[in-house]
Amino acid sequence: MLSLYRHITNVIGFKDLMRANEEWCRSLQLGYGLPRRHVALKPRGTFKSSVYTIGYPTWLFARDPNRTILIVQGSFPVVKDTFQAIRWQIRSNPRYLRTYGHIYDQERLRVDEVWHKYRDPTAGINPNIRGVSVGANIICTHYKTIIVDDIVTREDRDSSTIRNKKKS
């Protein structure tokens, strides 16, 4: 199986990653499967979303058909854009399909969810990858990996009411 960095650069096709991104990938890969917390506060323009929100989930999806991943973002339009990119990688990217095969469940492919074709039926009720916006109802859900990305939007910077709502 490819390393996370090779997956992102060679399969996903994000060729502009920097040396620091390789370190992020190594850190994520070393912690694969461990119950730990990882916080990455990085400046704009350093490919955070490319690595953490698209590359990492698609790599985990290929490695473990029972892995569950929740991606939380600032607004539902951002979630939809992210999932459009994730779905394209898993469903249409020729390099992904050549490397891992058709591993998604075509009948359960939704705007904010992806299910693995070879998932164990007893693995639970949650999709393999699910996206939600801040404030969404996630009661009674259990995810092995939770990624929080870009929860601050332009509206947050302009409105203290929206900022306070997201804090609660």
N, C-alpha and C. Protein backbone atom coordinates (compact mmCIF):
# COMPACT_ATOMS: atom_id res chain seq x y z
N MET A 1 0.85 -1.18 0.00
CA MET A 1 0.00 0.00 0.00
C MET A 1 0.90 1.24 0.00
N LEU A 2 0.48 2.23 -0.75
CA LEU A 2 1.25 3.46 -0.87
C LEU A 2 1.28 4.24 0.44
N SER A 3 2.36 4.99 0.65
CA SER A 3 2.41 5.91 1.78
C SER A 3 1.38 7.02 1.52
N LEU A 4 0.99 7.72 2.57
CA LEU A 4 0.02 8.80 2.43
C LEU A 4 0.55 9.87 1.48
N TYR A 5 1.81 10.24 1.62
CA TYR A 5 2.38 11.27 0.76
C TYR A 5 2.36 10.83 -0.70
N ARG A 6 2.73 9.60 -1.00
CA ARG A 6 2.72 9.10 -2.37
C ARG A 6 1.29 9.01 -2.89
N HIS A 7 0.37 8.64 -2.04
CA HIS A 7 -1.05 8.60 -2.42
C HIS A 7 -1.50 9.99 -2.87
N ILE A 8 -1.17 11.00 -2.07
CA ILE A 8 -1.63 12.36 -2.37
C ILE A 8 -0.96 12.91 -3.63
N THR A 9 0.34 12.68 -3.78
CA THR A 9 1.04 13.25 -4.94
C THR A 9 0.85 12.42 -6.21
N ASN A 10 0.94 11.10 -6.11
CA ASN A 10 0.90 10.26 -7.32
C ASN A 10 -0.50 9.81 -7.72
N VAL A 11 -1.36 9.52 -6.74
CA VAL A 11 -2.70 9.03 -7.07
C VAL A 11 -3.69 10.19 -7.16
N ILE A 12 -3.77 10.97 -6.10
CA ILE A 12 -4.70 12.11 -6.10
C ILE A 12 -4.24 13.16 -7.12
N GLY A 13 -2.92 13.31 -7.25
CA GLY A 13 -2.40 14.22 -8.26
C GLY A 13 -2.08 15.61 -7.77
N PHE A 14 -1.97 15.81 -6.46
CA PHE A 14 -1.58 17.11 -5.91
C PHE A 14 -0.05 17.19 -5.95
N LYS A 15 0.48 17.70 -7.04
CA LYS A 15 1.93 17.72 -7.27
C LYS A 15 2.65 18.89 -6.60
N ASP A 16 1.91 19.90 -6.15
CA ASP A 16 2.54 21.11 -5.62
C ASP A 16 2.81 21.07 -4.12
N LEU A 17 2.69 19.90 -3.51
CA LEU A 17 2.94 19.82 -2.07
C LEU A 17 4.38 20.20 -1.76
N MET A 18 4.58 20.68 -0.54
CA MET A 18 5.89 21.13 -0.09
C MET A 18 6.51 20.11 0.85
N ARG A 19 7.76 20.35 1.21
CA ARG A 19 8.47 19.45 2.13
C ARG A 19 7.71 19.31 3.46
N ALA A 20 7.15 20.41 3.95
CA ALA A 20 6.38 20.36 5.20
C ALA A 20 5.19 19.42 5.08
N ASN A 21 4.57 19.38 3.91
CA ASN A 21 3.42 18.49 3.71
C ASN A 21 3.82 17.03 3.85
N GLU A 22 5.03 16.71 3.44
CA GLU A 22 5.51 15.34 3.57
C GLU A 22 5.64 14.97 5.06
N GLU A 23 6.06 15.93 5.88
CA GLU A 23 6.15 15.71 7.33
C GLU A 23 4.75 15.51 7.93
N TRP A 24 3.78 16.30 7.48
CA TRP A 24 2.41 16.14 7.97
C TRP A 24 1.92 14.74 7.65
N CYS A 25 2.18 14.31 6.42
CA CYS A 25 1.73 12.98 5.98
C CYS A 25 2.39 11.89 6.82
N ARG A 26 3.66 12.04 7.09
CA ARG A 26 4.37 11.05 7.89
C ARG A 26 3.78 10.98 9.31
N SER A 27 3.48 12.15 9.87
CA SER A 27 2.88 12.20 11.21
C SER A 27 1.51 11.52 11.23
N LEU A 28 0.68 11.81 10.24
CA LEU A 28 -0.64 11.18 10.15
C LEU A 28 -0.52 9.68 9.96
N GLN A 29 0.40 9.27 9.12
CA GLN A 29 0.57 7.84 8.83
C GLN A 29 1.08 7.09 10.05
N LEU A 30 1.97 7.69 10.81
CA LEU A 30 2.48 7.04 12.03
C LEU A 30 1.38 6.85 13.06
N GLY A 31 0.41 7.77 13.07
CA GLY A 31 -0.68 7.68 14.03
C GLY A 31 -1.87 6.90 13.54
N TYR A 32 -1.79 6.32 12.34
CA TYR A 32 -2.91 5.58 11.76
C TYR A 32 -3.36 4.47 12.70
N GLY A 33 -4.63 4.47 13.04
CA GLY A 33 -5.18 3.40 13.86
C GLY A 33 -5.06 3.65 15.36
N LEU A 34 -4.35 4.69 15.74
CA LEU A 34 -4.20 4.95 17.18
C LEU A 34 -5.28 5.91 17.66
N PRO A 35 -5.78 5.70 18.85
CA PRO A 35 -6.77 6.64 19.40
C PRO A 35 -6.05 7.86 19.96
N ARG A 36 -5.80 8.84 19.13
CA ARG A 36 -5.10 10.03 19.58
C ARG A 36 -5.67 11.25 18.91
N ARG A 37 -5.29 12.38 19.44
CA ARG A 37 -5.74 13.64 18.86
C ARG A 37 -4.58 14.30 18.14
N HIS A 38 -4.91 14.93 17.05
CA HIS A 38 -3.90 15.60 16.25
C HIS A 38 -4.47 16.95 15.85
N VAL A 39 -3.84 18.03 16.25
CA VAL A 39 -4.29 19.36 15.89
C VAL A 39 -3.25 19.97 14.97
N ALA A 40 -3.69 20.45 13.84
CA ALA A 40 -2.78 21.07 12.87
C ALA A 40 -3.28 22.48 12.55
N LEU A 41 -2.64 23.46 13.09
CA LEU A 41 -2.98 24.86 12.79
C LEU A 41 -1.91 25.36 11.83
N LYS A 42 -2.28 25.53 10.61
CA LYS A 42 -1.33 25.90 9.56
C LYS A 42 -1.82 27.16 8.86
N PRO A 43 -0.89 27.96 8.32
CA PRO A 43 -1.30 29.18 7.60
C PRO A 43 -1.99 28.88 6.29
N ARG A 44 -2.67 29.88 5.77
CA ARG A 44 -3.34 29.76 4.47
C ARG A 44 -2.31 29.44 3.39
N GLY A 45 -2.78 28.70 2.38
CA GLY A 45 -1.94 28.42 1.23
C GLY A 45 -0.92 27.33 1.43
N THR A 46 -1.07 26.52 2.49
CA THR A 46 -0.09 25.45 2.74
C THR A 46 -0.66 24.06 2.44
N PHE A 47 -1.76 24.00 1.73
CA PHE A 47 -2.37 22.75 1.28
C PHE A 47 -2.95 21.91 2.43
N LYS A 48 -3.44 22.58 3.47
CA LYS A 48 -4.05 21.85 4.60
C LYS A 48 -5.22 21.00 4.15
N SER A 49 -6.16 21.61 3.44
CA SER A 49 -7.34 20.86 3.01
C SER A 49 -6.97 19.77 2.03
N SER A 50 -5.99 20.02 1.17
CA SER A 50 -5.55 19.00 0.21
C SER A 50 -5.05 17.76 0.94
N VAL A 51 -4.28 17.98 2.01
CA VAL A 51 -3.70 16.86 2.75
C VAL A 51 -4.72 16.24 3.71
N TYR A 52 -5.29 17.06 4.60
CA TYR A 52 -6.11 16.55 5.70
C TYR A 52 -7.54 16.20 5.30
N THR A 53 -8.12 16.95 4.36
CA THR A 53 -9.55 16.79 4.09
C THR A 53 -9.85 16.00 2.82
N ILE A 54 -8.91 15.94 1.90
CA ILE A 54 -9.13 15.15 0.68
C ILE A 54 -8.16 13.96 0.63
N GLY A 55 -6.89 14.22 0.79
CA GLY A 55 -5.89 13.16 0.69
C GLY A 55 -6.00 12.10 1.78
N TYR A 56 -6.05 12.54 3.03
CA TYR A 56 -6.09 11.59 4.15
C TYR A 56 -7.35 10.71 4.13
N PRO A 57 -8.55 11.29 4.01
CA PRO A 57 -9.75 10.44 3.97
C PRO A 57 -9.78 9.46 2.80
N THR A 58 -9.33 9.89 1.62
CA THR A 58 -9.34 8.97 0.48
C THR A 58 -8.31 7.86 0.64
N TRP A 59 -7.22 8.15 1.32
CA TRP A 59 -6.20 7.14 1.63
C TRP A 59 -6.74 6.13 2.65
N LEU A 60 -7.37 6.65 3.72
CA LEU A 60 -7.97 5.77 4.73
C LEU A 60 -9.07 4.90 4.12
N PHE A 61 -9.87 5.49 3.24
CA PHE A 61 -10.96 4.77 2.58
C PHE A 61 -10.42 3.57 1.79
N ALA A 62 -9.29 3.76 1.13
CA ALA A 62 -8.69 2.67 0.36
C ALA A 62 -8.06 1.61 1.26
N ARG A 63 -7.60 2.00 2.43
CA ARG A 63 -6.90 1.08 3.33
C ARG A 63 -7.84 0.22 4.18
N ASP A 64 -8.97 0.80 4.58
CA ASP A 64 -9.81 0.13 5.57
C ASP A 64 -11.29 0.28 5.20
N PRO A 65 -11.94 -0.77 4.73
CA PRO A 65 -13.33 -0.67 4.31
C PRO A 65 -14.31 -0.41 5.45
N ASN A 66 -13.86 -0.52 6.69
CA ASN A 66 -14.74 -0.31 7.83
C ASN A 66 -14.43 0.98 8.60
N ARG A 67 -13.46 1.73 8.14
CA ARG A 67 -13.07 2.98 8.80
C ARG A 67 -14.16 4.02 8.60
N THR A 68 -14.51 4.75 9.65
CA THR A 68 -15.51 5.82 9.55
C THR A 68 -14.82 7.16 9.81
N ILE A 69 -15.14 8.13 8.96
CA ILE A 69 -14.50 9.44 9.00
C ILE A 69 -15.59 10.50 8.92
N LEU A 70 -15.56 11.44 9.84
CA LEU A 70 -16.48 12.58 9.83
C LEU A 70 -15.67 13.82 9.50
N ILE A 71 -16.12 14.57 8.50
CA ILE A 71 -15.47 15.83 8.13
C ILE A 71 -16.44 16.96 8.47
N VAL A 72 -16.00 17.88 9.33
CA VAL A 72 -16.82 19.01 9.76
C VAL A 72 -16.24 20.28 9.15
N GLN A 73 -17.11 21.05 8.47
CA GLN A 73 -16.67 22.30 7.86
C GLN A 73 -17.64 23.42 8.19
N GLY A 74 -17.25 24.65 7.87
CA GLY A 74 -17.99 25.83 8.28
C GLY A 74 -19.38 25.99 7.72
N SER A 75 -19.63 25.52 6.52
CA SER A 75 -20.96 25.67 5.91
C SER A 75 -21.23 24.49 4.99
N PHE A 76 -22.51 24.23 4.72
CA PHE A 76 -22.84 23.09 3.88
C PHE A 76 -22.35 23.26 2.43
N PRO A 77 -22.37 24.48 1.85
CA PRO A 77 -21.79 24.61 0.50
C PRO A 77 -20.31 24.19 0.45
N VAL A 78 -19.56 24.46 1.51
CA VAL A 78 -18.16 24.03 1.56
C VAL A 78 -18.09 22.52 1.65
N VAL A 79 -18.97 21.91 2.45
CA VAL A 79 -19.04 20.45 2.55
C VAL A 79 -19.32 19.85 1.17
N LYS A 80 -20.29 20.41 0.46
CA LYS A 80 -20.63 19.90 -0.87
C LYS A 80 -19.44 19.98 -1.83
N ASP A 81 -18.71 21.09 -1.79
CA ASP A 81 -17.53 21.23 -2.65
C ASP A 81 -16.47 20.19 -2.29
N THR A 82 -16.25 19.99 -1.00
CA THR A 82 -15.27 19.01 -0.56
C THR A 82 -15.67 17.61 -1.02
N PHE A 83 -16.94 17.28 -0.86
CA PHE A 83 -17.39 15.95 -1.23
C PHE A 83 -17.45 15.75 -2.74
N GLN A 84 -17.61 16.82 -3.47
CA GLN A 84 -17.51 16.70 -4.92
C GLN A 84 -16.08 16.28 -5.28
N ALA A 85 -15.10 16.86 -4.62
CA ALA A 85 -13.69 16.50 -4.87
C ALA A 85 -13.40 15.07 -4.40
N ILE A 86 -13.90 14.70 -3.23
CA ILE A 86 -13.66 13.35 -2.70
C ILE A 86 -14.34 12.31 -3.60
N ARG A 87 -15.58 12.55 -3.97
CA ARG A 87 -16.30 11.60 -4.83
C ARG A 87 -15.61 11.46 -6.18
N TRP A 88 -15.11 12.58 -6.74
CA TRP A 88 -14.42 12.49 -8.02
C TRP A 88 -13.18 11.61 -7.88
N GLN A 89 -12.44 11.80 -6.81
CA GLN A 89 -11.23 10.99 -6.61
C GLN A 89 -11.59 9.51 -6.55
N ILE A 90 -12.55 9.16 -5.72
CA ILE A 90 -12.89 7.76 -5.46
C ILE A 90 -13.62 7.12 -6.64
N ARG A 91 -14.44 7.90 -7.34
CA ARG A 91 -15.29 7.36 -8.39
C ARG A 91 -14.74 7.53 -9.80
N SER A 92 -13.97 8.59 -10.05
CA SER A 92 -13.63 8.92 -11.43
C SER A 92 -12.14 9.09 -11.72
N ASN A 93 -11.33 9.34 -10.72
CA ASN A 93 -9.90 9.56 -10.96
C ASN A 93 -9.28 8.27 -11.49
N PRO A 94 -8.78 8.25 -12.73
CA PRO A 94 -8.25 7.00 -13.28
C PRO A 94 -7.09 6.43 -12.48
N ARG A 95 -6.26 7.30 -11.89
CA ARG A 95 -5.13 6.80 -11.08
C ARG A 95 -5.64 6.12 -9.81
N TYR A 96 -6.68 6.69 -9.19
CA TYR A 96 -7.26 6.09 -7.98
C TYR A 96 -7.86 4.72 -8.33
N LEU A 97 -8.63 4.69 -9.41
CA LEU A 97 -9.29 3.45 -9.81
C LEU A 97 -8.28 2.37 -10.21
N ARG A 98 -7.22 2.78 -10.86
CA ARG A 98 -6.18 1.83 -11.27
C ARG A 98 -5.44 1.29 -10.04
N THR A 99 -5.22 2.14 -9.04
CA THR A 99 -4.47 1.75 -7.84
C THR A 99 -5.31 0.92 -6.89
N TYR A 100 -6.56 1.33 -6.65
CA TYR A 100 -7.38 0.69 -5.61
C TYR A 100 -8.60 -0.06 -6.14
N GLY A 101 -8.99 0.19 -7.36
CA GLY A 101 -10.17 -0.44 -7.92
C GLY A 101 -11.44 0.35 -7.62
N HIS A 102 -12.57 -0.23 -8.01
CA HIS A 102 -13.89 0.38 -7.76
C HIS A 102 -14.35 -0.08 -6.38
N ILE A 103 -13.98 0.67 -5.35
CA ILE A 103 -14.24 0.24 -3.98
C ILE A 103 -15.38 1.00 -3.31
N TYR A 104 -16.03 1.89 -4.03
CA TYR A 104 -17.15 2.65 -3.45
C TYR A 104 -18.45 1.92 -3.75
N ASP A 105 -19.43 2.14 -2.89
CA ASP A 105 -20.76 1.56 -3.08
C ASP A 105 -21.58 2.55 -3.92
N GLN A 106 -21.76 2.24 -5.18
CA GLN A 106 -22.44 3.12 -6.13
C GLN A 106 -23.86 3.46 -5.67
N GLU A 107 -24.54 2.53 -5.06
CA GLU A 107 -25.94 2.75 -4.66
C GLU A 107 -26.06 3.66 -3.44
N ARG A 108 -24.99 3.85 -2.70
CA ARG A 108 -25.05 4.67 -1.48
C ARG A 108 -24.19 5.92 -1.58
N LEU A 109 -23.90 6.36 -2.78
CA LEU A 109 -23.08 7.54 -3.00
C LEU A 109 -23.98 8.77 -2.96
N ARG A 110 -23.79 9.62 -1.96
CA ARG A 110 -24.65 10.79 -1.78
C ARG A 110 -23.80 12.06 -1.81
N VAL A 111 -24.48 13.20 -1.73
CA VAL A 111 -23.79 14.49 -1.82
C VAL A 111 -22.82 14.70 -0.64
N ASP A 112 -23.09 14.10 0.51
CA ASP A 112 -22.24 14.32 1.68
C ASP A 112 -21.82 13.00 2.35
N GLU A 113 -21.89 11.89 1.64
CA GLU A 113 -21.52 10.58 2.19
C GLU A 113 -20.87 9.71 1.13
N VAL A 114 -19.95 8.85 1.58
CA VAL A 114 -19.36 7.83 0.72
C VAL A 114 -19.32 6.53 1.52
N TRP A 115 -19.75 5.46 0.91
CA TRP A 115 -19.75 4.14 1.54
C TRP A 115 -18.82 3.21 0.77
N HIS A 116 -18.12 2.35 1.49
CA HIS A 116 -17.20 1.38 0.88
C HIS A 116 -17.97 0.16 0.41
N LYS A 117 -17.61 -0.32 -0.76
CA LYS A 117 -18.28 -1.47 -1.37
C LYS A 117 -18.07 -2.75 -0.56
N TYR A 118 -16.90 -2.89 0.07
CA TYR A 118 -16.56 -4.13 0.78
C TYR A 118 -16.67 -3.99 2.29
N ARG A 119 -17.47 -3.07 2.73
CA ARG A 119 -17.67 -2.83 4.16
C ARG A 119 -18.39 -4.01 4.81
N ASP A 120 -17.96 -4.35 6.01
CA ASP A 120 -18.60 -5.40 6.79
C ASP A 120 -20.00 -4.91 7.18
N PRO A 121 -21.05 -5.68 6.90
CA PRO A 121 -22.41 -5.24 7.22
C PRO A 121 -22.63 -4.99 8.72
N THR A 122 -21.78 -5.56 9.55
CA THR A 122 -21.93 -5.36 11.00
C THR A 122 -21.08 -4.20 11.50
N ALA A 123 -20.50 -3.41 10.60
CA ALA A 123 -19.56 -2.34 10.99
C ALA A 123 -20.26 -1.10 11.53
N GLY A 124 -21.55 -1.05 11.54
CA GLY A 124 -22.25 0.11 12.09
C GLY A 124 -23.10 0.82 11.06
N ILE A 125 -23.79 1.85 11.53
CA ILE A 125 -24.76 2.55 10.68
C ILE A 125 -24.19 3.79 10.00
N ASN A 126 -23.00 4.20 10.35
CA ASN A 126 -22.44 5.42 9.78
C ASN A 126 -21.72 5.14 8.47
N PRO A 127 -21.79 6.10 7.53
CA PRO A 127 -21.05 5.92 6.28
C PRO A 127 -19.54 5.95 6.54
N ASN A 128 -18.77 5.50 5.58
CA ASN A 128 -17.32 5.53 5.73
C ASN A 128 -16.81 6.97 5.82
N ILE A 129 -17.32 7.82 4.97
CA ILE A 129 -16.94 9.24 5.01
C ILE A 129 -18.23 10.06 4.97
N ARG A 130 -18.37 10.95 5.93
CA ARG A 130 -19.55 11.82 5.97
C ARG A 130 -19.10 13.24 6.22
N GLY A 131 -19.75 14.19 5.56
CA GLY A 131 -19.47 15.60 5.76
C GLY A 131 -20.65 16.31 6.37
N VAL A 132 -20.37 17.18 7.34
CA VAL A 132 -21.41 17.99 7.96
C VAL A 132 -20.88 19.41 8.14
N SER A 133 -21.81 20.35 8.26
CA SER A 133 -21.41 21.71 8.58
C SER A 133 -21.55 21.92 10.08
N VAL A 134 -20.91 22.96 10.57
CA VAL A 134 -20.97 23.28 12.00
C VAL A 134 -22.43 23.44 12.39
N GLY A 135 -22.81 22.83 13.50
CA GLY A 135 -24.18 22.91 13.98
C GLY A 135 -25.07 21.77 13.53
N ALA A 136 -24.55 20.89 12.68
CA ALA A 136 -25.35 19.77 12.20
C ALA A 136 -25.60 18.77 13.33
N ASN A 137 -26.67 18.03 13.23
CA ASN A 137 -27.01 17.02 14.22
C ASN A 137 -26.17 15.76 13.97
N ILE A 138 -25.33 15.41 14.93
CA ILE A 138 -24.54 14.18 14.81
C ILE A 138 -24.74 13.30 16.04
N ILE A 139 -25.93 13.41 16.64
CA ILE A 139 -26.27 12.59 17.80
C ILE A 139 -26.33 11.13 17.37
N CYS A 140 -25.84 10.25 18.21
CA CYS A 140 -25.84 8.79 17.99
C CYS A 140 -24.95 8.37 16.82
N THR A 141 -23.94 9.14 16.54
CA THR A 141 -22.99 8.75 15.50
C THR A 141 -21.64 8.49 16.16
N HIS A 142 -20.90 7.57 15.60
CA HIS A 142 -19.59 7.20 16.14
C HIS A 142 -18.62 7.12 14.98
N TYR A 143 -17.59 7.95 15.02
CA TYR A 143 -16.61 7.97 13.95
C TYR A 143 -15.22 7.75 14.54
N LYS A 144 -14.44 6.95 13.85
CA LYS A 144 -13.07 6.65 14.27
C LYS A 144 -12.18 7.88 14.07
N THR A 145 -12.41 8.61 12.98
CA THR A 145 -11.61 9.79 12.66
C THR A 145 -12.55 10.97 12.44
N ILE A 146 -12.23 12.09 13.08
CA ILE A 146 -13.00 13.32 12.89
C ILE A 146 -12.03 14.40 12.43
N ILE A 147 -12.35 15.01 11.30
CA ILE A 147 -11.51 16.07 10.74
C ILE A 147 -12.33 17.36 10.75
N VAL A 148 -11.81 18.38 11.37
CA VAL A 148 -12.46 19.68 11.42
C VAL A 148 -11.62 20.63 10.57
N ASP A 149 -12.24 21.16 9.51
CA ASP A 149 -11.49 21.95 8.54
C ASP A 149 -12.28 23.19 8.15
N ASP A 150 -11.64 24.33 8.20
CA ASP A 150 -12.25 25.59 7.75
C ASP A 150 -13.62 25.83 8.37
N ILE A 151 -13.69 25.77 9.69
CA ILE A 151 -14.98 26.03 10.32
C ILE A 151 -15.27 27.53 10.45
N VAL A 152 -14.26 28.34 10.22
CA VAL A 152 -14.45 29.79 10.23
C VAL A 152 -14.67 30.22 8.79
N THR A 153 -15.76 30.96 8.59
CA THR A 153 -16.09 31.44 7.24
C THR A 153 -16.00 32.96 7.21
N ARG A 154 -16.18 33.54 6.05
CA ARG A 154 -16.16 35.01 5.94
C ARG A 154 -17.23 35.64 6.81
N GLU A 155 -18.39 34.98 6.91
CA GLU A 155 -19.47 35.51 7.72
C GLU A 155 -19.07 35.59 9.20
N ASP A 156 -18.26 34.63 9.65
CA ASP A 156 -17.82 34.62 11.05
C ASP A 156 -16.99 35.86 11.36
N ARG A 157 -16.18 36.26 10.42
CA ARG A 157 -15.32 37.41 10.65
C ARG A 157 -16.12 38.69 10.75
N ASP A 158 -17.27 38.74 10.10
CA ASP A 158 -18.07 39.95 10.08
C ASP A 158 -19.18 39.98 11.12
N SER A 159 -19.54 38.83 11.69
CA SER A 159 -20.70 38.79 12.58
C SER A 159 -20.39 38.08 13.90
N SER A 160 -20.46 38.83 14.98
CA SER A 160 -20.24 38.22 16.30
C SER A 160 -21.37 37.24 16.64
N THR A 161 -22.57 37.48 16.12
CA THR A 161 -23.70 36.56 16.37
C THR A 161 -23.38 35.18 15.82
N ILE A 162 -22.86 35.12 14.60
CA ILE A 162 -22.53 33.82 13.99
C ILE A 162 -21.38 33.17 14.74
N ARG A 163 -20.37 33.96 15.12
CA ARG A 163 -19.24 33.39 15.89
C ARG A 163 -19.72 32.79 17.20
N ASN A 164 -20.58 33.49 17.91
CA ASN A 164 -21.09 33.00 19.19
C ASN A 164 -21.95 31.75 19.00
N LYS A 165 -22.72 31.66 17.92
CA LYS A 165 -23.55 30.51 17.64
C LYS A 165 -22.68 29.27 17.42
N LYS A 166 -21.56 29.43 16.73
CA LYS A 166 -20.68 28.29 16.46
C LYS A 166 -19.93 27.84 17.72
N LYS A 167 -19.74 28.74 18.66
CA LYS A 167 -19.06 28.37 19.91
C LYS A 167 -19.94 27.49 20.79
N SER A 168 -21.25 27.66 20.69
CA SER A 168 -22.15 26.92 21.58
C SER A 168 -22.50 25.55 21.06
